Amino acid sequence: MPCCSVCKLVHYCSRECQSMHWSAGHKAACKEAKKWLSLGLLNHNRAAVMYVYNWMGNDEFFELQRQTQKAIVDEIVGGVHGLAVPVNLSVTLQTYPPRTFAAVQMEAPTNSSSKPRCAHTLLGNMAMYPCFSFAPVGMPGAPLRDEDNAMLLAMLQMACRLVTSAIATCISKSRMRVVPGPFICCGGIASDLFWRKAVCRITLNTPIETMRNRTWYFKPDIQLVCGYALVRACDRVFGIEMASATITRIEAMNNQLHTTAPSEYLSREAWRKNILQTMDRQGVKADIDAHCASKAKKDKLRGGWQQVKKEFLEAALAFTDVVRKHLIEYTANMAGGSIVPTTLAQHLRVSEAEMTRVKEELAALDPQYPPDIQRLINRPHTQGHCEEVEGALVTLADGRKESELSITFKTQLEDYSGTDGSGGAAISFPFP
């Protein structure tokens, strides 16, 4: 069968068919598809690239994804000795025009000295799976950002459902041997799941009542928080033009940050070091220092550029204070619902005395939410049906109405027993 010689993804029944498809639009999409096949979330994921460009249908793609998920889970269980294997999940949203998708990535420990077959890369003793779960979170043409955030919130709710499905897949296919940690790392626009206090809930069909309802939380990536902190500080101290320029520079970086210990997520001093390290990159630090000197000269400040630099750092730290405060409030009930019952202090490996000190520090600082985040938080959790994102409502045989996208999720991912008001979803499956 003839195959496209450029992307090598599409096969044809004849040369005539290939020529017609090329003229009808494949020529425009072909090179772009080839690009995605060699970078980012879809790197080497032929099925996902074909699905994005409508060269593969729902049934075929999700069947292949289910097979891959089982192979990954089996590989993880076989690669580590022990009763349970803790894995780290993260979620991102990415637009591949004209549609937005969510991807759940996984990091899993391995004893293998070479890259496991299903893994994309091997970093130290961690195998990386960049596309464990992948699904559309909006209909074609729905923008990721809109004026009142209604479409974004609908997409975030679908992304939360995808993460919940990925968690359930790990647990059910491994019979509780592959267990995602209590926090899902979220980057980019997906970090709004943290501000919305979204949760993923799973119901285990177990006779042990205290183990039935388990909860997972979202936590923004440290590098992301530092980048946002710098951008917001630039906007506050220097203006929007400097903020926009800083966004461009920071997005191009691949920073290795100071913080490695979980406990440092609550430390203001650790955040300061991370912010300084993020600044200390070619172009960013020099630009910020130059703007500090220019502002000090313009305003005739007695303290010179050092005074402006101090103001700038405090503005950046103020945003990390908000993150710390929000995390503590968000996880107030964590002990009763996480997969391994634990408090935030225990998870971050800090003493209750240190946690009390952090709370007192934050109470004294009294950090305030930026207006845009406050508006996001204030939006009601029950958004109602958003046709631009979820598609038209379809009447099922039993008379119930479901959106097109919701039907795709229910038929192609782990079965859902319902969703809660915070955007989390409840899934039931037999407990081993």
Protein backbone atom coordinates (compact mmCIF):
# COMPACT_ATOMS: atom_id res chain seq x y z
CA MET A 1 0.00 0.00 0.00
CA PRO A 2 1.31 3.49 -0.83
CA CYS A 3 2.46 5.53 2.18
CA CYS A 4 3.13 9.26 2.55
CA SER A 5 6.88 9.62 2.04
CA VAL A 6 7.11 12.72 4.27
CA CYS A 7 5.29 11.90 7.53
CA LYS A 8 5.14 8.11 6.91
CA LEU A 9 1.91 8.00 8.92
CA VAL A 10 -0.87 7.65 6.35
CA HIS A 11 -1.35 4.66 4.05
CA TYR A 12 -3.48 4.71 0.91
CA CYS A 13 -5.31 2.17 -1.21
CA SER A 14 -3.83 3.63 -4.40
CA ARG A 15 -1.61 6.38 -5.79
CA GLU A 16 -4.71 8.17 -7.05
CA CYS A 17 -6.18 8.20 -3.53
CA GLN A 18 -2.88 9.51 -2.15
CA SER A 19 -2.79 12.31 -4.73
CA MET A 20 -6.36 13.36 -3.93
CA HIS A 21 -5.67 13.39 -0.16
CA TRP A 22 -2.48 15.42 -0.68
CA SER A 23 -4.37 18.07 -2.65
CA ALA A 24 -7.30 18.06 -0.20
CA GLY A 25 -5.17 19.16 2.74
CA HIS A 26 -2.61 16.53 3.70
CA LYS A 27 0.15 18.66 2.19
CA ALA A 28 -0.48 21.42 4.76
CA ALA A 29 -0.69 19.08 7.77
CA CYS A 30 2.03 16.63 6.80
CA LYS A 31 5.15 18.58 7.81
CA GLU A 32 3.53 19.79 11.03
CA ALA A 33 2.58 16.23 11.97
CA LYS A 34 6.14 15.11 11.31
CA LYS A 35 7.37 17.89 13.63
CA TRP A 36 5.13 16.76 16.52
CA LEU A 37 6.28 13.19 16.00
CA SER A 38 9.82 14.22 16.96
CA LEU A 39 9.23 16.58 19.90
CA GLY A 40 7.04 17.39 22.89
CA LEU A 41 4.30 15.23 24.35
CA LEU A 42 3.70 13.28 21.13
CA ASN A 43 7.34 12.38 20.54
CA HIS A 44 7.39 8.93 18.85
CA ASN A 45 3.66 8.50 19.59
CA ARG A 46 2.45 7.68 16.08
CA ALA A 47 -1.10 6.83 17.16
CA ALA A 48 -1.58 10.11 19.05
CA VAL A 49 -0.27 12.20 16.14
CA MET A 50 -2.58 10.39 13.73
CA TYR A 51 -5.48 10.89 16.14
CA VAL A 52 -4.77 14.62 16.45
CA TYR A 53 -4.93 15.00 12.66
CA ASN A 54 -8.04 12.81 12.26
CA TRP A 55 -6.07 10.10 10.48
CA MET A 56 -7.22 7.65 13.14
CA GLY A 57 -10.67 7.33 14.70
CA ASN A 58 -11.75 7.23 18.36
CA ASP A 59 -12.21 3.47 18.62
CA GLU A 60 -8.86 2.55 17.09
CA PHE A 61 -6.87 5.17 18.99
CA PHE A 62 -8.31 4.47 22.44
CA GLU A 63 -8.00 0.71 21.94
CA LEU A 64 -4.30 1.19 21.17
CA GLN A 65 -3.96 3.50 24.19
CA ARG A 66 -5.55 0.91 26.49
CA GLN A 67 -3.14 -1.73 25.21
CA THR A 68 -0.18 0.61 25.75
CA GLN A 69 -1.35 1.50 29.27
CA LYS A 70 -1.53 -2.17 30.22
CA ALA A 71 1.95 -2.76 28.79
CA ILE A 72 3.32 0.22 30.76
CA VAL A 73 1.73 -0.92 34.02
CA ASP A 74 3.02 -4.47 33.52
CA GLU A 75 6.47 -3.08 32.75
CA ILE A 76 6.48 -0.97 35.93
CA VAL A 77 5.34 -3.85 38.12
CA GLY A 78 7.96 -6.14 36.60
CA GLY A 79 10.76 -3.58 36.86
CA VAL A 80 10.68 -2.97 40.61
CA HIS A 81 10.66 -5.41 43.50
CA GLY A 82 8.13 -4.59 46.20
CA LEU A 83 4.47 -4.76 47.10
CA ALA A 84 3.61 -1.30 45.70
CA VAL A 85 5.34 1.01 43.24
CA PRO A 86 4.84 4.76 43.81
CA VAL A 87 4.60 6.72 40.55
CA ASN A 88 4.38 10.44 39.83
CA LEU A 89 1.72 11.81 37.49
CA SER A 90 1.56 15.23 35.84
CA VAL A 91 -0.96 16.83 33.50
CA THR A 92 -0.67 19.44 30.77
CA LEU A 93 -3.04 20.98 28.23
CA GLN A 94 -1.84 21.51 24.69
CA THR A 95 -3.59 22.90 21.63
CA TYR A 96 -2.96 21.14 18.34
CA PRO A 97 -5.12 23.33 16.07
CA PRO A 98 -8.02 23.29 15.91
CA ARG A 99 -8.44 21.25 19.11
CA THR A 100 -7.13 21.21 22.70
CA PHE A 101 -5.97 17.96 24.30
CA ALA A 102 -4.87 16.91 27.78
CA ALA A 103 -1.98 14.54 28.40
CA VAL A 104 -1.09 12.69 31.59
CA GLN A 105 2.62 11.95 31.97
CA MET A 106 4.11 9.38 34.32
CA GLU A 107 7.47 8.92 36.08
CA ALA A 108 8.10 5.50 37.56
CA PRO A 109 11.09 4.00 39.40
CA THR A 110 12.88 1.12 37.74
CA ASN A 111 15.77 -1.20 38.55
CA SER A 112 16.60 -1.52 34.87
CA SER A 113 20.01 -0.24 33.79
CA SER A 114 18.72 0.35 30.26
CA LYS A 115 15.60 2.12 29.00
CA PRO A 116 12.51 -0.05 29.51
CA ARG A 117 10.74 -0.95 26.25
CA CYS A 118 7.65 1.24 26.77
CA ALA A 119 9.48 4.20 28.34
CA HIS A 120 10.41 7.28 26.35
CA THR A 121 13.58 8.01 28.32
CA LEU A 122 15.44 6.82 31.39
CA LEU A 123 16.67 9.53 33.77
CA GLY A 124 18.70 8.03 36.58
CA ASN A 125 16.47 5.32 38.00
CA MET A 126 13.24 6.91 36.73
CA ALA A 127 11.49 5.75 33.56
CA MET A 128 9.54 8.49 31.76
CA TYR A 129 6.21 7.92 30.00
CA PRO A 130 5.20 11.31 28.48
CA CYS A 131 1.79 10.27 27.17
CA PHE A 132 0.27 7.63 29.48
CA SER A 133 -3.23 9.05 28.86
CA PHE A 134 -4.21 11.39 26.05
CA ALA A 135 -7.65 12.70 25.08
CA PRO A 136 -9.38 15.79 23.69
CA VAL A 137 -10.81 18.16 26.29
CA GLY A 138 -12.68 20.36 23.84
CA MET A 139 -14.44 20.26 20.49
CA PRO A 140 -12.63 21.53 17.37
CA GLY A 141 -12.40 25.32 17.36
CA ALA A 142 -12.99 25.85 21.10
CA PRO A 143 -10.32 28.34 22.30
CA LEU A 144 -8.30 27.50 25.39
CA ARG A 145 -8.73 31.06 26.60
CA ASP A 146 -11.89 33.16 26.36
CA GLU A 147 -13.07 36.38 27.97
CA ASP A 148 -14.99 34.92 30.90
CA ASN A 149 -13.04 31.64 31.26
CA ALA A 150 -16.20 29.52 30.82
CA MET A 151 -14.61 27.39 28.10
CA LEU A 152 -11.35 27.04 30.01
CA LEU A 153 -13.17 25.83 33.12
CA ALA A 154 -15.08 23.25 31.07
CA MET A 155 -11.79 22.00 29.59
CA LEU A 156 -10.20 21.84 33.04
CA GLN A 157 -13.08 19.70 34.26
CA MET A 158 -12.53 17.27 31.37
CA ALA A 159 -8.78 17.26 32.10
CA CYS A 160 -9.55 16.40 35.73
CA ARG A 161 -11.67 13.48 34.53
CA LEU A 162 -8.80 12.26 32.34
CA VAL A 163 -6.38 12.36 35.29
CA THR A 164 -8.87 10.45 37.45
CA SER A 165 -9.17 7.85 34.73
CA ALA A 166 -5.37 7.53 34.55
CA ILE A 167 -5.18 7.03 38.32
CA ALA A 168 -7.89 4.36 38.19
CA THR A 169 -6.13 2.63 35.30
CA CYS A 170 -2.87 2.45 37.26
CA ILE A 171 -4.56 0.99 40.33
CA SER A 172 -6.99 -1.39 38.64
CA LYS A 173 -4.63 -2.82 36.00
CA SER A 174 -1.90 -3.39 38.61
CA ARG A 175 -4.25 -4.61 41.36
CA MET A 176 -3.06 -1.82 43.67
CA ARG A 177 0.66 -2.32 42.95
CA VAL A 178 1.13 0.87 40.89
CA VAL A 179 -0.06 3.74 43.05
CA PRO A 180 0.13 7.42 41.99
CA GLY A 181 1.33 9.80 44.71
CA PRO A 182 -1.22 12.11 46.36
CA PHE A 183 -0.23 15.14 44.24
CA ILE A 184 -0.59 15.51 40.49
CA CYS A 185 1.95 17.99 39.10
CA CYS A 186 0.29 20.54 36.84
CA GLY A 187 2.05 22.88 34.44
CA GLY A 188 1.00 25.73 32.18
CA ILE A 189 -2.72 26.43 31.98
CA ALA A 190 -3.41 23.18 33.86
CA SER A 191 -2.10 24.88 37.01
CA ASP A 192 -5.54 26.48 37.25
CA LEU A 193 -6.71 23.10 38.60
CA PHE A 194 -4.69 23.94 41.72
CA TRP A 195 -6.31 27.36 42.12
CA ARG A 196 -9.76 25.86 41.57
CA LYS A 197 -9.05 23.29 44.30
CA ALA A 198 -10.01 20.52 41.90
CA VAL A 199 -9.62 16.97 43.15
CA CYS A 200 -9.65 13.48 41.66
CA ARG A 201 -11.76 11.03 43.66
CA ILE A 202 -11.85 7.27 43.32
CA THR A 203 -14.15 4.88 45.12
CA LEU A 204 -12.56 1.52 45.89
CA ASN A 205 -14.98 -1.39 46.14
CA THR A 206 -13.57 -2.65 49.44
CA PRO A 207 -15.13 -3.86 52.69
CA ILE A 208 -12.75 -1.56 54.58
CA GLU A 209 -14.92 1.54 54.91
CA THR A 210 -12.06 3.93 55.71
CA MET A 211 -10.29 2.95 52.47
CA ARG A 212 -13.22 3.40 50.07
CA ASN A 213 -13.02 7.05 49.10
CA ARG A 214 -9.56 8.23 48.03
CA THR A 215 -8.57 11.73 46.90
CA TRP A 216 -5.73 13.19 44.81
CA TYR A 217 -4.74 16.87 44.64
CA PHE A 218 -3.02 19.12 42.10
CA LYS A 219 0.19 21.00 42.81
CA PRO A 220 1.92 23.42 40.40
CA ASP A 221 5.43 22.74 39.19
CA ILE A 222 8.12 24.69 41.09
CA GLN A 223 9.69 26.00 37.89
CA LEU A 224 6.28 27.19 36.70
CA VAL A 225 5.62 29.04 39.98
CA CYS A 226 9.02 30.76 39.81
CA GLY A 227 8.36 31.84 36.23
CA TYR A 228 4.92 33.22 37.09
CA ALA A 229 6.36 34.97 40.16
CA LEU A 230 8.97 36.76 38.03
CA VAL A 231 6.45 37.75 35.36
CA ARG A 232 4.03 39.15 37.95
CA ALA A 233 6.86 41.01 39.69
CA CYS A 234 7.94 42.51 36.35
CA ASP A 235 4.39 43.67 35.68
CA ARG A 236 4.06 45.20 39.14
CA VAL A 237 7.43 46.97 39.25
CA PHE A 238 8.31 47.67 35.59
CA GLY A 239 5.08 47.34 33.60
CA ILE A 240 3.42 44.98 31.16
CA GLU A 241 6.03 45.27 28.36
CA MET A 242 8.80 43.93 30.58
CA ALA A 243 6.45 41.21 31.84
CA SER A 244 5.71 40.07 28.28
CA ALA A 245 9.41 39.99 27.38
CA THR A 246 10.16 37.97 30.53
CA ILE A 247 7.48 35.39 29.66
CA THR A 248 9.16 34.77 26.30
CA ARG A 249 12.62 34.33 27.83
CA ILE A 250 11.52 32.10 30.71
CA GLU A 251 9.47 29.81 28.45
CA ALA A 252 12.62 29.13 26.42
CA MET A 253 14.57 27.95 29.46
CA ASN A 254 15.06 24.50 30.92
CA ASN A 255 16.03 25.36 34.47
CA GLN A 256 17.58 23.05 37.01
CA LEU A 257 16.31 24.64 40.19
CA HIS A 258 17.66 24.66 43.71
CA THR A 259 14.74 22.98 45.49
CA THR A 260 14.86 19.20 45.60
CA ALA A 261 13.65 18.32 49.10
CA PRO A 262 9.83 18.15 49.48
CA SER A 263 10.01 20.21 52.69
CA GLU A 264 11.37 23.21 50.79
CA TYR A 265 8.05 23.72 48.99
CA LEU A 266 6.87 25.51 52.15
CA SER A 267 10.10 27.44 52.73
CA ARG A 268 10.19 31.13 51.77
CA GLU A 269 13.98 31.06 51.71
CA ALA A 270 13.97 28.10 49.31
CA TRP A 271 11.59 29.98 47.00
CA ARG A 272 13.92 33.00 47.16
CA LYS A 273 16.86 30.83 46.05
CA ASN A 274 14.81 29.32 43.23
CA ILE A 275 13.69 32.74 42.01
CA LEU A 276 17.26 34.05 42.05
CA GLN A 277 18.41 30.95 40.18
CA THR A 278 15.65 31.38 37.60
CA MET A 279 16.79 34.99 37.12
CA ASP A 280 20.41 33.94 36.84
CA ARG A 281 20.09 32.89 33.22
CA GLN A 282 21.48 34.58 30.15
CA GLY A 283 19.44 37.66 29.39
CA VAL A 284 16.89 37.55 32.22
CA LYS A 285 19.08 38.69 35.12
CA ALA A 286 20.83 41.29 32.97
CA ASP A 287 17.51 42.71 31.77
CA ILE A 288 16.02 42.84 35.26
CA ASP A 289 19.14 44.51 36.70
CA ALA A 290 19.11 47.05 33.85
CA HIS A 291 15.45 47.87 34.52
CA CYS A 292 16.21 48.21 38.25
CA ALA A 293 18.99 50.70 37.49
CA SER A 294 16.80 52.62 35.03
CA LYS A 295 13.89 52.87 37.46
CA ALA A 296 16.16 53.93 40.34
CA LYS A 297 17.63 56.70 38.19
CA LYS A 298 14.24 57.83 36.89
CA ASP A 299 12.66 57.92 40.37
CA LYS A 300 15.86 59.35 41.94
CA LEU A 301 15.85 56.70 44.65
CA ARG A 302 18.38 57.14 47.45
CA GLY A 303 18.81 53.37 47.73
CA GLY A 304 19.72 53.08 44.06
CA TRP A 305 19.10 49.96 41.97
CA GLN A 306 19.48 47.75 45.07
CA GLN A 307 16.30 49.29 46.49
CA VAL A 308 14.38 48.48 43.31
CA LYS A 309 15.85 44.96 43.20
CA LYS A 310 14.68 44.36 46.77
CA GLU A 311 11.19 45.60 45.88
CA PHE A 312 11.19 43.33 42.83
CA LEU A 313 12.21 40.22 44.80
CA GLU A 314 9.56 40.90 47.43
CA ALA A 315 6.94 41.22 44.69
CA ALA A 316 8.02 37.85 43.29
CA LEU A 317 8.06 36.23 46.74
CA ALA A 318 4.58 37.60 47.44
CA PHE A 319 3.23 35.32 44.71
CA THR A 320 4.96 32.26 46.20
CA ASP A 321 3.44 33.22 49.57
CA VAL A 322 0.01 32.99 47.94
CA VAL A 323 0.91 29.55 46.54
CA ARG A 324 1.99 28.30 49.98
CA LYS A 325 -1.11 29.69 51.68
CA HIS A 326 -3.42 28.20 49.05
CA LEU A 327 -1.73 24.78 49.25
CA ILE A 328 -2.23 24.59 53.02
CA GLU A 329 -5.91 25.58 52.75
CA TYR A 330 -6.51 23.27 49.78
CA THR A 331 -5.17 20.18 51.57
CA ALA A 332 -6.76 20.82 54.97
CA ASN A 333 -8.66 17.50 54.78
CA MET A 334 -5.87 15.54 53.12
CA ALA A 335 -5.28 13.12 56.00
CA GLY A 336 -8.67 11.50 55.64
CA GLY A 337 -8.67 10.91 51.91
CA SER A 338 -5.25 10.48 50.29
CA ILE A 339 -4.33 7.03 48.98
CA VAL A 340 -1.84 6.62 51.82
CA PRO A 341 -3.47 8.53 54.72
CA THR A 342 -1.08 11.37 55.47
CA THR A 343 -1.14 15.07 56.28
CA LEU A 344 0.53 17.71 54.11
CA ALA A 345 3.25 18.03 56.75
CA GLN A 346 3.95 14.30 56.64
CA HIS A 347 3.96 14.24 52.84
CA LEU A 348 6.42 17.15 52.67
CA ARG A 349 8.45 15.66 55.53
CA VAL A 350 8.18 18.60 57.88
CA SER A 351 7.33 18.51 61.57
CA GLU A 352 4.02 19.80 62.88
CA ALA A 353 6.03 22.47 64.70
CA GLU A 354 7.52 23.65 61.39
CA MET A 355 4.08 23.60 59.79
CA THR A 356 2.78 25.78 62.61
CA ARG A 357 5.69 28.19 62.08
CA VAL A 358 4.89 28.42 58.34
CA LYS A 359 1.22 29.15 59.09
CA GLU A 360 2.20 31.88 61.55
CA GLU A 361 4.61 33.37 59.00
CA LEU A 362 1.88 33.44 56.34
CA ALA A 363 -0.63 34.94 58.78
CA ALA A 364 1.83 37.78 59.45
CA LEU A 365 2.54 38.30 55.73
CA ASP A 366 -1.19 38.11 54.87
CA PRO A 367 -0.66 37.39 51.14
CA GLN A 368 -3.50 38.45 48.84
CA TYR A 369 -4.62 36.64 45.70
CA PRO A 370 -3.87 38.51 42.46
CA PRO A 371 -7.16 39.78 40.94
CA ASP A 372 -7.12 37.33 38.00
CA ILE A 373 -6.62 34.34 40.28
CA GLN A 374 -9.27 35.60 42.68
CA ARG A 375 -11.74 35.80 39.79
CA LEU A 376 -10.85 32.24 38.79
CA ILE A 377 -11.38 31.03 42.36
CA ASN A 378 -14.71 32.84 42.63
CA ARG A 379 -16.24 31.15 39.59
CA PRO A 380 -18.90 28.59 40.61
CA HIS A 381 -17.81 24.95 40.42
CA THR A 382 -20.99 23.88 38.67
CA GLN A 383 -20.60 25.39 35.21
CA GLY A 384 -23.44 23.65 33.40
CA HIS A 385 -23.22 22.39 29.84
CA CYS A 386 -20.76 24.26 27.57
CA GLU A 387 -21.59 23.22 24.01
CA GLU A 388 -18.53 24.91 22.45
CA VAL A 389 -16.29 22.64 24.55
CA GLU A 390 -18.34 19.51 25.19
CA GLY A 391 -20.35 19.31 21.98
CA ALA A 392 -24.09 18.97 21.59
CA LEU A 393 -26.23 17.09 24.09
CA VAL A 394 -27.27 13.64 22.90
CA THR A 395 -30.35 11.83 24.22
CA LEU A 396 -29.44 8.27 25.23
CA ALA A 397 -31.67 5.19 25.08
CA ASP A 398 -32.60 5.58 28.76
CA GLY A 399 -33.64 9.20 28.22
CA ARG A 400 -30.59 10.78 29.86
CA LYS A 401 -28.71 13.53 28.04
CA GLU A 402 -24.93 13.46 27.66
CA SER A 403 -22.56 15.70 25.73
CA GLU A 404 -20.58 14.30 22.80
CA LEU A 405 -17.27 14.63 24.64
CA SER A 406 -18.65 13.08 27.82
CA ILE A 407 -19.85 10.07 25.82
CA THR A 408 -16.35 9.66 24.39
CA PHE A 409 -14.89 9.69 27.91
CA LYS A 410 -17.44 7.24 29.28
CA THR A 411 -17.08 4.76 26.44
CA GLN A 412 -13.33 4.97 25.87
CA LEU A 413 -11.86 5.53 29.36
CA GLU A 414 -12.49 3.98 32.79
CA ASP A 415 -16.24 3.93 33.52
CA TYR A 416 -17.59 6.83 35.60
CA SER A 417 -20.20 6.62 38.30
CA GLY A 418 -20.54 10.41 38.47
CA THR A 419 -18.77 13.71 39.02
CA ASP A 420 -18.64 15.95 42.05
CA GLY A 421 -19.03 19.70 42.22
CA SER A 422 -15.30 20.43 42.40
CA GLY A 423 -14.58 18.87 39.04
CA GLY A 424 -13.28 15.59 40.43
CA ALA A 425 -14.77 12.31 39.26
CA ALA A 426 -15.71 9.14 41.11
CA ILE A 427 -14.79 5.79 39.59
CA SER A 428 -15.60 2.38 41.01
CA PHE A 429 -13.78 -0.85 40.22
CA PRO A 430 -13.29 -4.14 42.09
CA PHE A 431 -10.77 -3.95 44.87
CA PRO A 432 -8.29 -6.87 44.81
